[in-house]
């Protein structure tokens, strides 16, 4: 058995190099598209949360009007502003507690 070295044709090396470059570019493209999709999904999720919050506030305004708690737009605005402020304070307390618990 002889130890002969069979040369690899340069054309094949160039083709492999081109294929590797194309593959790398494709992976970068896919990664970029996935990042864009992730950002879109996050913004869609935030928009849905905003819609749910708006729906909740509209329902609360309707309940306040129906119960006779308020009878004009200024009063509705004040009631909703107070409820929003309460929710924000509750959220801040919960997140502070959660941050403290993870330390």
C-alpha atoms as a PDB file:
ATOM      1  CA  UNK A   1       0.000   0.000   0.000  1.00  0.00           C
ATOM      2  CA  UNK A   2       1.444   3.294  -0.960  1.00  0.00           C
ATOM      3  CA  UNK A   3       0.869   6.566   0.789  1.00  0.00           C
ATOM      4  CA  UNK A   4      -0.062   8.746  -2.104  1.00  0.00           C
ATOM      5  CA  UNK A   5      -1.582  12.123  -1.547  1.00  0.00           C
ATOM      6  CA  UNK A   6      -4.459  12.916  -3.806  1.00  0.00           C
ATOM      7  CA  UNK A   7      -4.669  16.670  -4.337  1.00  0.00           C
ATOM      8  CA  UNK A   8      -8.021  18.310  -3.747  1.00  0.00           C
ATOM      9  CA  UNK A   9      -8.925  20.372  -6.795  1.00  0.00           C
ATOM     10  CA  UNK A  10      -8.787  24.137  -6.218  1.00  0.00           C
ATOM     11  CA  UNK A  11     -12.134  24.573  -7.948  1.00  0.00           C
ATOM     12  CA  UNK A  12     -13.718  22.382  -5.280  1.00  0.00           C
ATOM     13  CA  UNK A  13     -12.081  24.454  -2.530  1.00  0.00           C
ATOM     14  CA  UNK A  14     -13.436  27.650  -4.068  1.00  0.00           C
ATOM     15  CA  UNK A  15     -16.892  26.096  -4.373  1.00  0.00           C
ATOM     16  CA  UNK A  16     -16.786  24.977  -0.732  1.00  0.00           C
ATOM     17  CA  UNK A  17     -15.623  28.424   0.353  1.00  0.00           C
ATOM     18  CA  UNK A  18     -18.423  30.094  -1.622  1.00  0.00           C
ATOM     19  CA  UNK A  19     -20.971  27.673  -0.164  1.00  0.00           C
ATOM     20  CA  UNK A  20     -19.706  28.373   3.362  1.00  0.00           C
ATOM     21  CA  UNK A  21     -19.965  32.133   2.776  1.00  0.00           C
ATOM     22  CA  UNK A  22     -23.476  31.789   1.376  1.00  0.00           C
ATOM     23  CA  UNK A  23     -24.453  29.594   4.309  1.00  0.00           C
ATOM     24  CA  UNK A  24     -23.058  32.113   6.779  1.00  0.00           C
ATOM     25  CA  UNK A  25     -24.944  34.947   5.071  1.00  0.00           C
ATOM     26  CA  UNK A  26     -28.134  32.879   5.145  1.00  0.00           C
ATOM     27  CA  UNK A  27     -27.740  32.199   8.873  1.00  0.00           C
ATOM     28  CA  UNK A  28     -27.180  35.917   9.499  1.00  0.00           C
ATOM     29  CA  UNK A  29     -30.281  36.735   7.445  1.00  0.00           C
ATOM     30  CA  UNK A  30     -32.414  34.207   9.316  1.00  0.00           C
ATOM     31  CA  UNK A  31     -31.117  35.484  12.655  1.00  0.00           C
ATOM     32  CA  UNK A  32     -31.983  39.040  11.664  1.00  0.00           C
ATOM     33  CA  UNK A  33     -35.478  37.989  10.581  1.00  0.00           C
ATOM     34  CA  UNK A  34     -36.013  36.087  13.839  1.00  0.00           C
ATOM     35  CA  UNK A  35     -34.948  39.137  15.855  1.00  0.00           C
ATOM     36  CA  UNK A  36     -37.351  41.325  13.878  1.00  0.00           C
ATOM     37  CA  UNK A  37     -40.136  38.791  14.436  1.00  0.00           C
ATOM     38  CA  UNK A  38     -39.385  38.703  18.160  1.00  0.00           C
ATOM     39  CA  UNK A  39     -39.580  42.507  18.341  1.00  0.00           C
ATOM     40  CA  UNK A  40     -42.850  42.469  16.397  1.00  0.00           C
ATOM     41  CA  UNK A  41     -44.317  39.860  18.735  1.00  0.00           C
ATOM     42  CA  UNK A  42     -43.265  41.890  21.775  1.00  0.00           C
ATOM     43  CA  UNK A  43     -44.837  45.068  20.391  1.00  0.00           C
ATOM     44  CA  UNK A  44     -47.988  43.125  19.476  1.00  0.00           C
ATOM     45  CA  UNK A  45     -48.141  41.759  23.003  1.00  0.00           C
ATOM     46  CA  UNK A  46     -47.792  45.268  24.440  1.00  0.00           C
ATOM     47  CA  UNK A  47     -50.512  46.525  22.101  1.00  0.00           C
ATOM     48  CA  UNK A  48     -52.828  43.719  23.235  1.00  0.00           C
ATOM     49  CA  UNK A  49     -52.108  44.574  26.867  1.00  0.00           C
ATOM     50  CA  UNK A  50     -52.928  48.217  26.118  1.00  0.00           C
ATOM     51  CA  UNK A  51     -56.201  47.168  24.475  1.00  0.00           C
ATOM     52  CA  UNK A  52     -57.115  45.005  27.460  1.00  0.00           C
ATOM     53  CA  UNK A  53     -56.346  47.892  29.807  1.00  0.00           C
ATOM     54  CA  UNK A  54     -58.436  50.243  27.676  1.00  0.00           C
ATOM     55  CA  UNK A  55     -61.284  47.738  27.640  1.00  0.00           C
ATOM     56  CA  UNK A  56     -61.070  47.401  31.420  1.00  0.00           C
ATOM     57  CA  UNK A  57     -61.110  51.173  31.872  1.00  0.00           C
ATOM     58  CA  UNK A  58     -64.111  51.534  29.560  1.00  0.00           C
ATOM     59  CA  UNK A  59     -65.944  48.835  31.512  1.00  0.00           C
ATOM     60  CA  UNK A  60     -65.081  50.546  34.792  1.00  0.00           C
ATOM     61  CA  UNK A  61     -66.292  53.888  33.434  1.00  0.00           C
ATOM     62  CA  UNK A  62     -69.544  52.262  32.333  1.00  0.00           C
ATOM     63  CA  UNK A  63     -70.004  50.681  35.746  1.00  0.00           C
ATOM     64  CA  UNK A  64     -69.305  53.996  37.471  1.00  0.00           C
ATOM     65  CA  UNK A  65     -71.900  55.723  35.290  1.00  0.00           C
ATOM     66  CA  UNK A  66     -74.498  52.961  35.739  1.00  0.00           C
ATOM     67  CA  UNK A  67     -74.040  52.882  39.509  1.00  0.00           C
ATOM     68  CA  UNK A  68     -74.486  56.636  39.727  1.00  0.00           C
ATOM     69  CA  UNK A  69     -70.987  57.045  41.167  1.00  0.00           C
ATOM     70  CA  UNK A  70     -70.259  59.666  38.496  1.00  0.00           C
ATOM     71  CA  UNK A  71     -72.429  61.665  36.150  1.00  0.00           C
ATOM     72  CA  UNK A  72     -70.122  63.729  33.950  1.00  0.00           C
ATOM     73  CA  UNK A  73     -66.933  63.343  31.933  1.00  0.00           C
ATOM     74  CA  UNK A  74     -64.709  65.194  34.409  1.00  0.00           C
ATOM     75  CA  UNK A  75     -65.818  62.908  37.215  1.00  0.00           C
ATOM     76  CA  UNK A  76     -65.272  59.846  35.014  1.00  0.00           C
ATOM     77  CA  UNK A  77     -61.767  61.058  34.188  1.00  0.00           C
ATOM     78  CA  UNK A  78     -60.991  61.633  37.864  1.00  0.00           C
ATOM     79  CA  UNK A  79     -62.287  58.211  38.912  1.00  0.00           C
ATOM     80  CA  UNK A  80     -60.334  56.458  36.168  1.00  0.00           C
ATOM     81  CA  UNK A  81     -57.170  58.452  36.911  1.00  0.00           C
ATOM     82  CA  UNK A  82     -57.395  57.407  40.565  1.00  0.00           C
ATOM     83  CA  UNK A  83     -57.863  53.754  39.582  1.00  0.00           C
ATOM     84  CA  UNK A  84     -54.934  53.903  37.162  1.00  0.00           C
ATOM     85  CA  UNK A  85     -52.735  55.479  39.850  1.00  0.00           C
ATOM     86  CA  UNK A  86     -53.739  52.716  42.278  1.00  0.00           C
ATOM     87  CA  UNK A  87     -52.883  50.024  39.710  1.00  0.00           C
ATOM     88  CA  UNK A  88     -49.517  51.632  39.007  1.00  0.00           C
ATOM     89  CA  UNK A  89     -48.719  51.782  42.717  1.00  0.00           C
ATOM     90  CA  UNK A  90     -49.756  48.123  43.139  1.00  0.00           C
ATOM     91  CA  UNK A  91     -47.573  47.151  40.179  1.00  0.00           C
ATOM     92  CA  UNK A  92     -44.574  49.031  41.604  1.00  0.00           C
ATOM     93  CA  UNK A  93     -45.032  47.316  44.982  1.00  0.00           C
ATOM     94  CA  UNK A  94     -45.275  43.866  43.359  1.00  0.00           C
ATOM     95  CA  UNK A  95     -42.202  44.396  41.178  1.00  0.00           C
ATOM     96  CA  UNK A  96     -40.211  45.777  44.118  1.00  0.00           C
ATOM     97  CA  UNK A  97     -41.191  42.728  46.180  1.00  0.00           C
ATOM     98  CA  UNK A  98     -40.258  40.393  43.324  1.00  0.00           C
ATOM     99  CA  UNK A  99     -36.887  42.110  42.850  1.00  0.00           C
ATOM    100  CA  UNK A 100     -36.208  41.894  46.580  1.00  0.00           C
ATOM    101  CA  UNK A 101     -37.168  38.202  46.642  1.00  0.00           C
ATOM    102  CA  UNK A 102     -34.718  37.344  43.852  1.00  0.00           C
ATOM    103  CA  UNK A 103     -31.716  38.808  45.695  1.00  0.00           C
END
